[in-house]
Amino acid sequence: MTPPDPLKDCRILLVDDHDDLAENLTEILEEEGAQVTRAARASEALDRAVEGLTSRWSTSACPTRPA
């Protein structure tokens, strides 16, 4: 029996300006079941974090107000 992925359903924002290291870490984390988003700089990481948050919002979950 195969053990479950320990990082299944984990979303990780990996920030590192060393491409080789970031690529290796991404591969390892993905093999353990994580969804990895990479960024090379802090500003890029902030943009990706905001994108990740806004992509999870759904207008269908928001109640409507009468006009």
Protein backbone atom coordinates (compact mmCIF):
# COMPACT_ATOMS: atom_id res chain seq x y z
CA MET A 1 0.00 0.00 0.00
CA THR A 2 1.29 3.45 -0.93
CA PRO A 3 1.43 5.97 1.95
CA PRO A 4 -0.54 9.19 1.43
CA ASP A 5 1.23 12.30 0.20
CA PRO A 6 2.21 14.21 3.36
CA LEU A 7 1.77 17.60 1.66
CA LYS A 8 -1.44 16.81 -0.22
CA ASP A 9 -3.68 19.88 -0.45
CA CYS A 10 -0.84 22.19 0.69
CA ARG A 11 -0.20 25.28 -1.40
CA ILE A 12 3.33 26.61 -1.04
CA LEU A 13 4.75 29.91 -2.25
CA LEU A 14 8.48 29.30 -2.68
CA VAL A 15 10.60 32.45 -2.88
CA ASP A 16 14.23 32.03 -3.87
CA ASP A 17 16.46 33.88 -6.34
CA HIS A 18 18.62 30.81 -7.00
CA ASP A 19 16.91 29.07 -9.92
CA ASP A 20 18.62 25.71 -9.48
CA LEU A 21 17.78 25.51 -5.78
CA ALA A 22 14.21 26.66 -6.34
CA GLU A 23 13.75 24.09 -9.10
CA ASN A 24 15.06 21.28 -6.89
CA LEU A 25 12.93 22.30 -3.91
CA THR A 26 9.87 22.59 -6.14
CA GLU A 27 10.41 19.10 -7.47
CA ILE A 28 10.81 17.64 -3.97
CA LEU A 29 7.74 19.42 -2.62
CA GLU A 30 5.61 18.43 -5.62
CA GLU A 31 6.69 14.80 -5.24
CA GLU A 32 5.28 14.99 -1.70
CA GLY A 33 1.96 16.28 -3.03
CA ALA A 34 2.26 20.06 -2.64
CA GLN A 35 1.10 22.62 -5.16
CA VAL A 36 4.10 24.95 -5.54
CA THR A 37 4.15 28.47 -6.92
CA ARG A 38 7.61 29.94 -7.41
CA ALA A 39 8.81 33.53 -7.23
CA ALA A 40 12.34 34.86 -7.59
CA ARG A 41 11.86 38.19 -5.78
CA ALA A 42 9.81 39.54 -2.89
CA SER A 43 7.76 41.82 -5.16
CA GLU A 44 6.92 38.87 -7.41
CA ALA A 45 5.99 36.79 -4.35
CA LEU A 46 3.58 39.48 -3.16
CA ASP A 47 1.95 39.61 -6.60
CA ARG A 48 1.58 35.83 -6.67
CA ALA A 49 0.18 35.79 -3.13
CA VAL A 50 -2.46 38.34 -4.07
CA GLU A 51 -3.29 36.37 -7.23
CA GLY A 52 -3.66 33.23 -5.14
CA LEU A 53 -5.99 34.90 -2.69
CA THR A 54 -8.18 36.55 -5.32
CA SER A 55 -8.46 33.36 -7.37
CA ARG A 56 -10.06 31.64 -4.36
CA TRP A 57 -12.81 34.25 -4.01
CA SER A 58 -16.10 33.53 -5.67
CA THR A 59 -18.81 36.06 -6.31
CA SER A 60 -21.39 33.28 -6.15
CA ALA A 61 -20.55 32.85 -2.47
CA CYS A 62 -21.26 36.52 -1.75
CA PRO A 63 -24.77 37.42 -0.68
CA THR A 64 -26.51 40.01 -2.83
CA ARG A 65 -28.00 43.13 -1.34
CA PRO A 66 -31.29 44.57 -2.50
CA ALA A 67 -30.85 47.79 -4.48
